[in-house]
Amino acid sequence: MAKSKFEQSLEDGAHYRITKIVGNWKGTTKTWFEKDVLVDEVLTEAEITSILDGRFISYDYQSSLEGKPLIGKMIIGFDIPYQKFTFSWIDSFHMGTQIMQASGAATEKGFSILGSYGNPEYGDQLFGWRTELEIINGDEIVFTAYNIMPGDEETKAIETILTRN
Protein backbone atom coordinates (compact mmCIF):
# COMPACT_ATOMS: atom_id res chain seq x y z
CA MET A 1 0.00 0.00 0.00
CA ALA A 2 1.29 3.45 -0.90
CA LYS A 3 2.21 5.83 1.87
CA SER A 4 0.18 9.00 2.36
CA LYS A 5 1.86 12.33 1.67
CA PHE A 6 1.96 12.97 5.42
CA GLU A 7 3.56 9.58 6.15
CA GLN A 8 6.17 10.28 3.49
CA SER A 9 6.81 13.76 4.93
CA LEU A 10 7.31 12.25 8.38
CA GLU A 11 9.76 9.76 6.94
CA ASP A 12 12.02 12.09 4.96
CA GLY A 13 10.34 15.43 4.32
CA ALA A 14 9.44 18.67 6.09
CA HIS A 15 7.70 16.95 9.01
CA TYR A 16 10.76 14.77 9.56
CA ARG A 17 12.94 17.90 9.72
CA ILE A 18 10.82 19.70 12.31
CA THR A 19 10.20 16.66 14.52
CA LYS A 20 13.99 16.12 14.72
CA ILE A 21 14.21 19.27 16.88
CA VAL A 22 11.79 17.97 19.52
CA GLY A 23 13.48 18.23 22.92
CA ASN A 24 14.70 20.64 25.58
CA TRP A 25 16.87 23.59 24.62
CA LYS A 26 18.82 26.37 26.32
CA GLY A 27 20.62 29.42 24.96
CA THR A 28 20.61 33.18 24.56
CA THR A 29 18.23 35.68 23.03
CA LYS A 30 19.30 39.09 21.76
CA THR A 31 16.72 41.82 21.13
CA TRP A 32 16.93 45.00 19.05
CA PHE A 33 14.24 47.70 18.89
CA GLU A 34 16.06 49.72 16.24
CA LYS A 35 18.78 48.92 13.72
CA ASP A 36 22.12 47.97 15.27
CA VAL A 37 21.08 48.99 18.81
CA LEU A 38 21.15 45.90 21.04
CA VAL A 39 18.64 46.32 23.86
CA ASP A 40 19.05 43.07 25.76
CA GLU A 41 20.85 39.72 25.80
CA VAL A 42 19.36 37.09 28.11
CA LEU A 43 19.18 33.38 28.83
CA THR A 44 16.34 31.46 27.19
CA GLU A 45 14.97 28.00 27.92
CA ALA A 46 12.72 26.18 25.47
CA GLU A 47 10.86 22.95 25.04
CA ILE A 48 9.81 21.69 21.63
CA THR A 49 7.17 18.98 21.61
CA SER A 50 5.37 17.03 18.91
CA ILE A 51 1.64 17.60 18.48
CA LEU A 52 -0.93 15.39 16.71
CA ASP A 53 1.43 12.57 15.79
CA GLY A 54 4.04 14.85 14.24
CA ARG A 55 1.72 17.08 12.23
CA PHE A 56 2.93 20.09 14.22
CA ILE A 57 5.47 21.05 16.84
CA SER A 58 4.98 23.37 19.78
CA TYR A 59 7.89 25.68 20.58
CA ASP A 60 7.42 26.90 24.16
CA TYR A 61 9.99 29.29 25.57
CA GLN A 62 10.67 31.41 28.62
CA SER A 63 13.08 34.25 28.95
CA SER A 64 13.03 37.89 29.98
CA LEU A 65 13.25 41.29 28.36
CA GLU A 66 14.79 44.20 30.22
CA GLY A 67 14.34 42.31 33.50
CA LYS A 68 10.69 41.39 32.97
CA PRO A 69 9.64 37.72 32.50
CA LEU A 70 8.68 36.76 28.95
CA ILE A 71 6.98 33.56 27.81
CA GLY A 72 5.85 32.50 24.37
CA LYS A 73 4.54 29.72 22.17
CA MET A 74 4.68 28.94 18.48
CA ILE A 75 2.71 26.16 16.85
CA ILE A 76 4.72 25.30 13.74
CA GLY A 77 3.70 23.03 10.89
CA PHE A 78 4.16 22.25 7.24
CA ASP A 79 1.10 22.64 5.00
CA ILE A 80 1.42 19.77 2.53
CA PRO A 81 -1.25 20.91 0.02
CA TYR A 82 0.28 24.39 -0.28
CA GLN A 83 3.89 23.28 0.30
CA LYS A 84 4.70 25.96 2.87
CA PHE A 85 5.61 26.27 6.53
CA THR A 86 3.13 27.98 8.83
CA PHE A 87 2.99 29.12 12.43
CA SER A 88 0.78 30.75 15.00
CA TRP A 89 2.66 32.80 17.58
CA ILE A 90 1.70 34.27 20.93
CA ASP A 91 3.86 35.75 23.66
CA SER A 92 3.65 37.95 26.69
CA PHE A 93 5.48 40.93 25.16
CA HIS A 94 5.61 41.32 21.38
CA MET A 95 2.11 40.06 20.55
CA GLY A 96 0.20 41.27 23.61
CA THR A 97 -3.32 39.90 23.10
CA GLN A 98 -2.88 39.19 19.38
CA ILE A 99 -2.06 35.94 17.58
CA MET A 100 0.28 36.22 14.62
CA GLN A 101 -0.22 33.90 11.68
CA ALA A 102 2.70 33.48 9.29
CA SER A 103 3.67 31.31 6.35
CA GLY A 104 6.52 30.90 3.94
CA ALA A 105 8.98 28.70 2.16
CA ALA A 106 11.35 26.00 3.23
CA THR A 107 15.02 26.93 3.16
CA GLU A 108 18.06 24.69 2.96
CA LYS A 109 18.20 24.37 6.76
CA GLY A 110 14.71 25.31 7.95
CA PHE A 111 12.24 27.95 6.86
CA SER A 112 11.64 31.66 6.28
CA ILE A 113 8.08 32.79 6.98
CA LEU A 114 6.34 36.15 6.94
CA GLY A 115 3.53 37.43 9.12
CA SER A 116 2.16 40.84 9.97
CA TYR A 117 0.93 42.73 12.99
CA GLY A 118 -0.49 46.10 13.81
CA ASN A 119 -2.45 48.29 16.12
CA PRO A 120 -4.92 51.03 15.21
CA GLU A 121 -2.82 53.37 17.38
CA TYR A 122 -0.01 52.98 14.79
CA GLY A 123 -2.23 53.69 11.79
CA ASP A 124 -3.78 51.51 9.10
CA GLN A 125 -0.59 49.99 7.68
CA LEU A 126 0.57 46.69 9.10
CA PHE A 127 4.13 45.92 10.11
CA GLY A 128 5.82 42.83 8.70
CA TRP A 129 7.54 40.20 10.82
CA ARG A 130 9.78 37.63 9.12
CA THR A 131 10.96 34.63 11.13
CA GLU A 132 13.69 32.23 10.12
CA LEU A 133 14.53 28.87 11.64
CA GLU A 134 17.97 27.51 10.87
CA ILE A 135 18.74 23.98 12.00
CA ILE A 136 22.52 24.09 12.35
CA ASN A 137 22.71 20.42 13.38
CA GLY A 138 20.92 18.02 15.72
CA ASP A 139 22.08 19.98 18.75
CA GLU A 140 21.90 23.64 17.65
CA ILE A 141 19.10 25.76 16.18
CA VAL A 142 18.72 29.49 15.57
CA PHE A 143 15.49 31.50 15.43
CA THR A 144 15.96 34.97 13.91
CA ALA A 145 13.15 37.49 13.49
CA TYR A 146 13.12 40.69 11.47
CA ASN A 147 10.79 43.64 11.93
CA ILE A 148 9.57 45.39 8.77
CA MET A 149 8.23 48.90 9.32
CA PRO A 150 5.73 50.03 6.65
CA GLY A 151 7.70 51.31 3.67
CA ASP A 152 11.05 50.52 5.28
CA GLU A 153 13.74 47.84 5.14
CA GLU A 154 13.60 44.91 7.50
CA THR A 155 15.83 45.06 10.58
CA LYS A 156 16.91 42.28 12.90
CA ALA A 157 14.69 42.24 15.99
CA ILE A 158 15.40 38.94 17.74
CA GLU A 159 18.06 36.27 17.53
CA THR A 160 17.78 33.16 19.70
CA ILE A 161 20.60 30.62 19.56
CA LEU A 162 19.69 27.37 21.29
CA THR A 163 21.59 24.19 22.07
CA ARG A 164 20.01 20.91 23.05
CA ASN A 165 20.07 20.07 26.80
C-alpha atoms as a PDB file:
ATOM      1  CA  MET A   1       0.000   0.000   0.000  1.00  0.00           C
ATOM      2  CA  ALA A   2       1.291   3.448  -0.903  1.00  0.00           C
ATOM      3  CA  LYS A   3       2.208   5.835   1.872  1.00  0.00           C
ATOM      4  CA  SER A   4       0.185   8.999   2.358  1.00  0.00           C
ATOM      5  CA  LYS A   5       1.862  12.330   1.674  1.00  0.00           C
ATOM      6  CA  PHE A   6       1.962  12.969   5.417  1.00  0.00           C
ATOM      7  CA  GLU A   7       3.556   9.576   6.146  1.00  0.00           C
ATOM      8  CA  GLN A   8       6.169  10.282   3.488  1.00  0.00           C
ATOM      9  CA  SER A   9       6.813  13.762   4.926  1.00  0.00           C
ATOM     10  CA  LEU A  10       7.308  12.248   8.383  1.00  0.00           C
ATOM     11  CA  GLU A  11       9.765   9.756   6.942  1.00  0.00           C
ATOM     12  CA  ASP A  12      12.018  12.090   4.958  1.00  0.00           C
ATOM     13  CA  GLY A  13      10.338  15.433   4.319  1.00  0.00           C
ATOM     14  CA  ALA A  14       9.439  18.666   6.088  1.00  0.00           C
ATOM     15  CA  HIS A  15       7.700  16.952   9.007  1.00  0.00           C
ATOM     16  CA  TYR A  16      10.755  14.771   9.558  1.00  0.00           C
ATOM     17  CA  ARG A  17      12.939  17.903   9.724  1.00  0.00           C
ATOM     18  CA  ILE A  18      10.819  19.698  12.308  1.00  0.00           C
ATOM     19  CA  THR A  19      10.205  16.664  14.521  1.00  0.00           C
ATOM     20  CA  LYS A  20      13.986  16.121  14.717  1.00  0.00           C
ATOM     21  CA  ILE A  21      14.211  19.266  16.875  1.00  0.00           C
ATOM     22  CA  VAL A  22      11.793  17.970  19.520  1.00  0.00           C
ATOM     23  CA  GLY A  23      13.479  18.231  22.919  1.00  0.00           C
ATOM     24  CA  ASN A  24      14.704  20.637  25.579  1.00  0.00           C
ATOM     25  CA  TRP A  25      16.873  23.587  24.623  1.00  0.00           C
ATOM     26  CA  LYS A  26      18.818  26.370  26.321  1.00  0.00           C
ATOM     27  CA  GLY A  27      20.621  29.417  24.960  1.00  0.00           C
ATOM     28  CA  THR A  28      20.607  33.175  24.558  1.00  0.00           C
ATOM     29  CA  THR A  29      18.227  35.685  23.028  1.00  0.00           C
ATOM     30  CA  LYS A  30      19.301  39.086  21.757  1.00  0.00           C
ATOM     31  CA  THR A  31      16.723  41.821  21.127  1.00  0.00           C
ATOM     32  CA  TRP A  32      16.934  45.000  19.053  1.00  0.00           C
ATOM     33  CA  PHE A  33      14.236  47.696  18.889  1.00  0.00           C
ATOM     34  CA  GLU A  34      16.064  49.725  16.242  1.00  0.00           C
ATOM     35  CA  LYS A  35      18.777  48.924  13.720  1.00  0.00           C
ATOM     36  CA  ASP A  36      22.124  47.972  15.272  1.00  0.00           C
ATOM     37  CA  VAL A  37      21.076  48.992  18.810  1.00  0.00           C
ATOM     38  CA  LEU A  38      21.149  45.898  21.042  1.00  0.00           C
ATOM     39  CA  VAL A  39      18.636  46.321  23.858  1.00  0.00           C
ATOM     40  CA  ASP A  40      19.051  43.069  25.763  1.00  0.00           C
ATOM     41  CA  GLU A  41      20.846  39.721  25.796  1.00  0.00           C
ATOM     42  CA  VAL A  42      19.360  37.093  28.110  1.00  0.00           C
ATOM     43  CA  LEU A  43      19.182  33.384  28.826  1.00  0.00           C
ATOM     44  CA  THR A  44      16.341  31.461  27.193  1.00  0.00           C
ATOM     45  CA  GLU A  45      14.971  27.996  27.922  1.00  0.00           C
ATOM     46  CA  ALA A  46      12.723  26.182  25.471  1.00  0.00           C
ATOM     47  CA  GLU A  47      10.856  22.945  25.044  1.00  0.00           C
ATOM     48  CA  ILE A  48       9.814  21.689  21.625  1.00  0.00           C
ATOM     49  CA  THR A  49       7.167  18.978  21.614  1.00  0.00           C
ATOM     50  CA  SER A  50       5.375  17.026  18.910  1.00  0.00           C
ATOM     51  CA  ILE A  51       1.636  17.603  18.476  1.00  0.00           C
ATOM     52  CA  LEU A  52      -0.933  15.394  16.711  1.00  0.00           C
ATOM     53  CA  ASP A  53       1.433  12.565  15.787  1.00  0.00           C
ATOM     54  CA  GLY A  54       4.044  14.846  14.237  1.00  0.00           C
ATOM     55  CA  ARG A  55       1.722  17.075  12.226  1.00  0.00           C
ATOM     56  CA  PHE A  56       2.928  20.087  14.224  1.00  0.00           C
ATOM     57  CA  ILE A  57       5.470  21.047  16.839  1.00  0.00           C
ATOM     58  CA  SER A  58       4.979  23.367  19.776  1.00  0.00           C
ATOM     59  CA  TYR A  59       7.893  25.677  20.584  1.00  0.00           C
ATOM     60  CA  ASP A  60       7.421  26.901  24.164  1.00  0.00           C
ATOM     61  CA  TYR A  61       9.993  29.287  25.574  1.00  0.00           C
ATOM     62  CA  GLN A  62      10.669  31.406  28.622  1.00  0.00           C
ATOM     63  CA  SER A  63      13.081  34.255  28.948  1.00  0.00           C
ATOM     64  CA  SER A  64      13.033  37.895  29.983  1.00  0.00           C
ATOM     65  CA  LEU A  65      13.250  41.287  28.364  1.00  0.00           C
ATOM     66  CA  GLU A  66      14.795  44.199  30.220  1.00  0.00           C
ATOM     67  CA  GLY A  67      14.342  42.314  33.496  1.00  0.00           C
ATOM     68  CA  LYS A  68      10.688  41.387  32.968  1.00  0.00           C
ATOM     69  CA  PRO A  69       9.644  37.725  32.500  1.00  0.00           C
ATOM     70  CA  LEU A  70       8.680  36.756  28.950  1.00  0.00           C
ATOM     71  CA  ILE A  71       6.978  33.556  27.810  1.00  0.00           C
ATOM     72  CA  GLY A  72       5.847  32.505  24.371  1.00  0.00           C
ATOM     73  CA  LYS A  73       4.540  29.721  22.170  1.00  0.00           C
ATOM     74  CA  MET A  74       4.680  28.939  18.478  1.00  0.00           C
ATOM     75  CA  ILE A  75       2.714  26.162  16.851  1.00  0.00           C
ATOM     76  CA  ILE A  76       4.723  25.301  13.737  1.00  0.00           C
ATOM     77  CA  GLY A  77       3.702  23.031  10.885  1.00  0.00           C
ATOM     78  CA  PHE A  78       4.156  22.252   7.238  1.00  0.00           C
ATOM     79  CA  ASP A  79       1.102  22.645   5.001  1.00  0.00           C
ATOM     80  CA  ILE A  80       1.423  19.768   2.526  1.00  0.00           C
ATOM     81  CA  PRO A  81      -1.255  20.907   0.019  1.00  0.00           C
ATOM     82  CA  TYR A  82       0.277  24.392  -0.283  1.00  0.00           C
ATOM     83  CA  GLN A  83       3.894  23.284   0.301  1.00  0.00           C
ATOM     84  CA  LYS A  84       4.700  25.960   2.867  1.00  0.00           C
ATOM     85  CA  PHE A  85       5.615  26.266   6.531  1.00  0.00           C
ATOM     86  CA  THR A  86       3.126  27.979   8.834  1.00  0.00           C
ATOM     87  CA  PHE A  87       2.989  29.117  12.428  1.00  0.00           C
ATOM     88  CA  SER A  88       0.776  30.755  14.996  1.00  0.00           C
ATOM     89  CA  TRP A  89       2.663  32.797  17.582  1.00  0.00           C
ATOM     90  CA  ILE A  90       1.700  34.269  20.927  1.00  0.00           C
ATOM     91  CA  ASP A  91       3.856  35.746  23.659  1.00  0.00           C
ATOM     92  CA  SER A  92       3.653  37.952  26.692  1.00  0.00           C
ATOM     93  CA  PHE A  93       5.485  40.930  25.160  1.00  0.00           C
ATOM     94  CA  HIS A  94       5.608  41.320  21.378  1.00  0.00           C
ATOM     95  CA  MET A  95       2.112  40.062  20.554  1.00  0.00           C
ATOM     96  CA  GLY A  96       0.198  41.273  23.611  1.00  0.00           C
ATOM     97  CA  THR A  97      -3.316  39.896  23.104  1.00  0.00           C
ATOM     98  CA  GLN A  98      -2.885  39.191  19.384  1.00  0.00           C
ATOM     99  CA  ILE A  99      -2.061  35.937  17.580  1.00  0.00           C
ATOM    100  CA  MET A 100       0.280  36.222  14.616  1.00  0.00           C
ATOM    101  CA  GLN A 101      -0.220  33.895  11.677  1.00  0.00           C
ATOM    102  CA  ALA A 102       2.698  33.484   9.294  1.00  0.00           C
ATOM    103  CA  SER A 103       3.666  31.314   6.351  1.00  0.00           C
ATOM    104  CA  GLY A 104       6.525  30.904   3.945  1.00  0.00           C
ATOM    105  CA  ALA A 105       8.981  28.702   2.165  1.00  0.00           C
ATOM    106  CA  ALA A 106      11.348  25.997   3.232  1.00  0.00           C
ATOM    107  CA  THR A 107      15.019  26.928   3.158  1.00  0.00           C
ATOM    108  CA  GLU A 108      18.058  24.693   2.957  1.00  0.00           C
ATOM    109  CA  LYS A 109      18.195  24.369   6.759  1.00  0.00           C
ATOM    110  CA  GLY A 110      14.712  25.308   7.955  1.00  0.00           C
ATOM    111  CA  PHE A 111      12.243  27.955   6.861  1.00  0.00           C
ATOM    112  CA  SER A 112      11.637  31.659   6.284  1.00  0.00           C
ATOM    113  CA  ILE A 113       8.082  32.792   6.978  1.00  0.00           C
ATOM    114  CA  LEU A 114       6.336  36.155   6.938  1.00  0.00           C
ATOM    115  CA  GLY A 115       3.533  37.432   9.124  1.00  0.00           C
ATOM    116  CA  SER A 116       2.155  40.839   9.973  1.00  0.00           C
ATOM    117  CA  TYR A 117       0.931  42.730  12.992  1.00  0.00           C
ATOM    118  CA  GLY A 118      -0.493  46.096  13.805  1.00  0.00           C
ATOM    119  CA  ASN A 119      -2.448  48.290  16.117  1.00  0.00           C
ATOM    120  CA  PRO A 120      -4.921  51.034  15.206  1.00  0.00           C
ATOM    121  CA  GLU A 121      -2.823  53.372  17.378  1.00  0.00           C
ATOM    122  CA  TYR A 122      -0.005  52.978  14.793  1.00  0.00           C
ATOM    123  CA  GLY A 123      -2.231  53.694  11.790  1.00  0.00           C
ATOM    124  CA  ASP A 124      -3.778  51.507   9.100  1.00  0.00           C
ATOM    125  CA  GLN A 125      -0.593  49.992   7.682  1.00  0.00           C
ATOM    126  CA  LEU A 126       0.575  46.687   9.096  1.00  0.00           C
ATOM    127  CA  PHE A 127       4.128  45.918  10.114  1.00  0.00           C
ATOM    128  CA  GLY A 128       5.816  42.826   8.702  1.00  0.00           C
ATOM    129  CA  TRP A 129       7.541  40.200  10.819  1.00  0.00           C
ATOM    130  CA  ARG A 130       9.783  37.629   9.123  1.00  0.00           C
ATOM    131  CA  THR A 131      10.956  34.632  11.126  1.00  0.00           C
ATOM    132  CA  GLU A 132      13.693  32.232  10.118  1.00  0.00           C
ATOM    133  CA  LEU A 133      14.530  28.871  11.642  1.00  0.00           C
ATOM    134  CA  GLU A 134      17.972  27.508  10.871  1.00  0.00           C
ATOM    135  CA  ILE A 135      18.740  23.978  11.998  1.00  0.00           C
ATOM    136  CA  ILE A 136      22.521  24.091  12.347  1.00  0.00           C
ATOM    137  CA  ASN A 137      22.714  20.425  13.385  1.00  0.00           C
ATOM    138  CA  GLY A 138      20.924  18.024  15.723  1.00  0.00           C
ATOM    139  CA  ASP A 139      22.081  19.983  18.754  1.00  0.00           C
ATOM    140  CA  GLU A 140      21.900  23.639  17.650  1.00  0.00           C
ATOM    141  CA  ILE A 141      19.103  25.758  16.180  1.00  0.00           C
ATOM    142  CA  VAL A 142      18.716  29.485  15.570  1.00  0.00           C
ATOM    143  CA  PHE A 143      15.493  31.498  15.431  1.00  0.00           C
ATOM    144  CA  THR A 144      15.965  34.967  13.915  1.00  0.00           C
ATOM    145  CA  ALA A 145      13.148  37.486  13.490  1.00  0.00           C
ATOM    146  CA  TYR A 146      13.117  40.695  11.475  1.00  0.00           C
ATOM    147  CA  ASN A 147      10.791  43.644  11.927  1.00  0.00           C
ATOM    148  CA  ILE A 148       9.566  45.385   8.768  1.00  0.00           C
ATOM    149  CA  MET A 149       8.230  48.895   9.319  1.00  0.00           C
ATOM    150  CA  PRO A 150       5.733  50.033   6.654  1.00  0.00           C
ATOM    151  CA  GLY A 151       7.700  51.309   3.669  1.00  0.00           C
ATOM    152  CA  ASP A 152      11.045  50.516   5.278  1.00  0.00           C
ATOM    153  CA  GLU A 153      13.737  47.837   5.135  1.00  0.00           C
ATOM    154  CA  GLU A 154      13.599  44.909   7.499  1.00  0.00           C
ATOM    155  CA  THR A 155      15.828  45.062  10.579  1.00  0.00           C
ATOM    156  CA  LYS A 156      16.907  42.280  12.904  1.00  0.00           C
ATOM    157  CA  ALA A 157      14.687  42.243  15.988  1.00  0.00           C
ATOM    158  CA  ILE A 158      15.396  38.944  17.745  1.00  0.00           C
ATOM    159  CA  GLU A 159      18.060  36.265  17.534  1.00  0.00           C
ATOM    160  CA  THR A 160      17.779  33.161  19.698  1.00  0.00           C
ATOM    161  CA  ILE A 161      20.601  30.622  19.555  1.00  0.00           C
ATOM    162  CA  LEU A 162      19.687  27.369  21.293  1.00  0.00           C
ATOM    163  CA  THR A 163      21.593  24.189  22.070  1.00  0.00           C
ATOM    164  CA  ARG A 164      20.013  20.906  23.054  1.00  0.00           C
ATOM    165  CA  ASN A 165      20.072  20.073  26.797  1.00  0.00           C
END
